[in-house]
Protein backbone atom coordinates (compact mmCIF):
# COMPACT_ATOMS: atom_id res chain seq x y z
CA MET A 1 -1.17 -3.74 3.83
CA ASP A 2 -1.25 -7.11 5.39
CA PHE A 3 -2.50 -6.12 8.84
CA GLN A 4 -4.31 -8.44 11.20
CA ASN A 5 -7.74 -7.04 12.25
CA ASP A 6 -6.54 -6.23 15.72
CA GLU A 7 -3.45 -4.47 14.33
CA ARG A 8 -5.53 -2.43 11.96
CA GLU A 9 -7.96 -1.41 14.78
CA PHE A 10 -5.11 -0.35 17.04
CA LEU A 11 -3.21 1.55 14.34
CA THR A 12 -6.40 3.28 13.09
CA ALA A 13 -7.35 4.36 16.64
CA ASN A 14 -3.80 5.78 17.09
CA ARG A 15 -3.84 7.63 13.73
CA ALA A 16 -0.90 5.51 12.58
CA ILE A 17 -2.25 4.42 9.21
CA LYS A 18 -4.17 6.03 6.43
CA VAL A 19 -5.41 5.40 2.94
CA ASP A 20 -3.62 7.85 0.69
CA GLU A 21 -5.03 9.72 -2.33
CA ASP A 22 -4.21 6.71 -4.55
CA GLY A 23 -6.23 4.37 -2.34
CA ILE A 24 -3.16 2.72 -0.91
CA GLU A 25 -3.13 1.90 2.86
CA ARG A 26 0.12 2.85 4.49
CA TYR A 27 1.76 4.09 7.61
CA VAL A 28 1.48 7.86 8.15
CA GLY A 29 4.62 9.59 7.05
CA LEU A 30 5.99 6.61 5.06
CA THR A 31 5.85 5.72 1.41
CA GLU A 32 4.15 2.49 0.31
CA ASP A 33 7.48 0.61 0.16
CA GLU A 34 8.63 2.01 3.48
CA SER A 35 5.30 0.94 5.04
CA VAL A 36 5.76 -2.63 3.89
CA GLU A 37 9.32 -2.67 5.21
CA TYR A 38 8.29 -1.06 8.46
CA LEU A 39 5.57 -3.59 9.03
CA ILE A 40 8.06 -6.44 8.59
CA LEU A 41 10.61 -4.77 10.83
CA SER A 42 8.04 -3.88 13.46
CA ARG A 43 6.85 -7.48 13.78
CA ALA A 44 10.48 -8.68 14.02
CA ASN A 45 11.18 -5.93 16.62
CA ASP A 46 8.13 -7.03 18.58
CA SER A 47 9.42 -10.61 18.82
CA GLY A 48 12.94 -9.43 19.76
CA GLY A 49 14.42 -10.44 16.41
CA LEU A 50 16.19 -7.25 15.26
CA ALA A 51 19.88 -6.49 15.43
CA GLY A 52 22.46 -4.42 13.63
CA ALA A 53 21.50 -2.71 10.38
CA ASP A 54 17.87 -3.93 10.73
CA GLN A 55 17.59 -2.30 14.15
CA VAL A 56 19.00 0.97 12.75
CA ARG A 57 16.61 0.88 9.73
CA TYR A 58 13.69 0.12 12.06
CA ALA A 59 14.57 3.12 14.26
CA THR A 60 14.92 5.38 11.25
CA LEU A 61 11.53 4.42 9.86
CA HIS A 62 9.94 4.54 13.31
CA ASP A 63 11.17 8.05 13.93
CA LYS A 64 9.97 9.25 10.56
CA HIS A 65 6.61 7.61 11.06
CA GLU A 66 6.14 8.85 14.62
CA THR A 67 7.05 12.39 13.80
CA ALA A 68 4.31 12.48 11.09
CA ARG A 69 1.84 10.56 13.26
CA GLN A 70 2.09 13.19 16.00
CA VAL A 71 0.94 15.85 13.55
CA TYR A 72 -2.19 13.84 12.76
CA ALA A 73 -2.74 12.96 16.43
CA ARG A 74 -2.72 16.68 17.38
CA GLY A 75 -5.26 17.29 14.69
CA GLU A 76 -2.99 19.55 12.69
CA LYS A 77 -3.56 17.55 9.56
CA SER A 78 -6.45 15.28 8.40
CA LEU A 79 -5.99 11.55 7.64
CA HIS A 80 -8.50 12.07 4.81
CA PRO A 81 -7.14 14.18 1.86
CA SER A 82 -10.58 15.61 1.15
CA GLN A 83 -11.14 16.81 4.69
CA LYS A 84 -9.70 19.82 6.41
CA PRO A 85 -8.47 19.35 10.02
């Protein structure tokens, strides 16, 4: 994923990203394609540039990601496939 260093640090600290079993960095709870889309939409949302269908899609991906992230944040699941929580 094309994260800036400060983005990666923040997302890692908040258990928002992981490297999956195929070695692909992505947002927790999202596929690789959804992660790329979510990153683009998140940046647009942060700058106030989302409306209409893009806003709906962002909200859908955000909810999916945040639901999964909460599981990791509570320690119910490990971010590393080889480790148990």
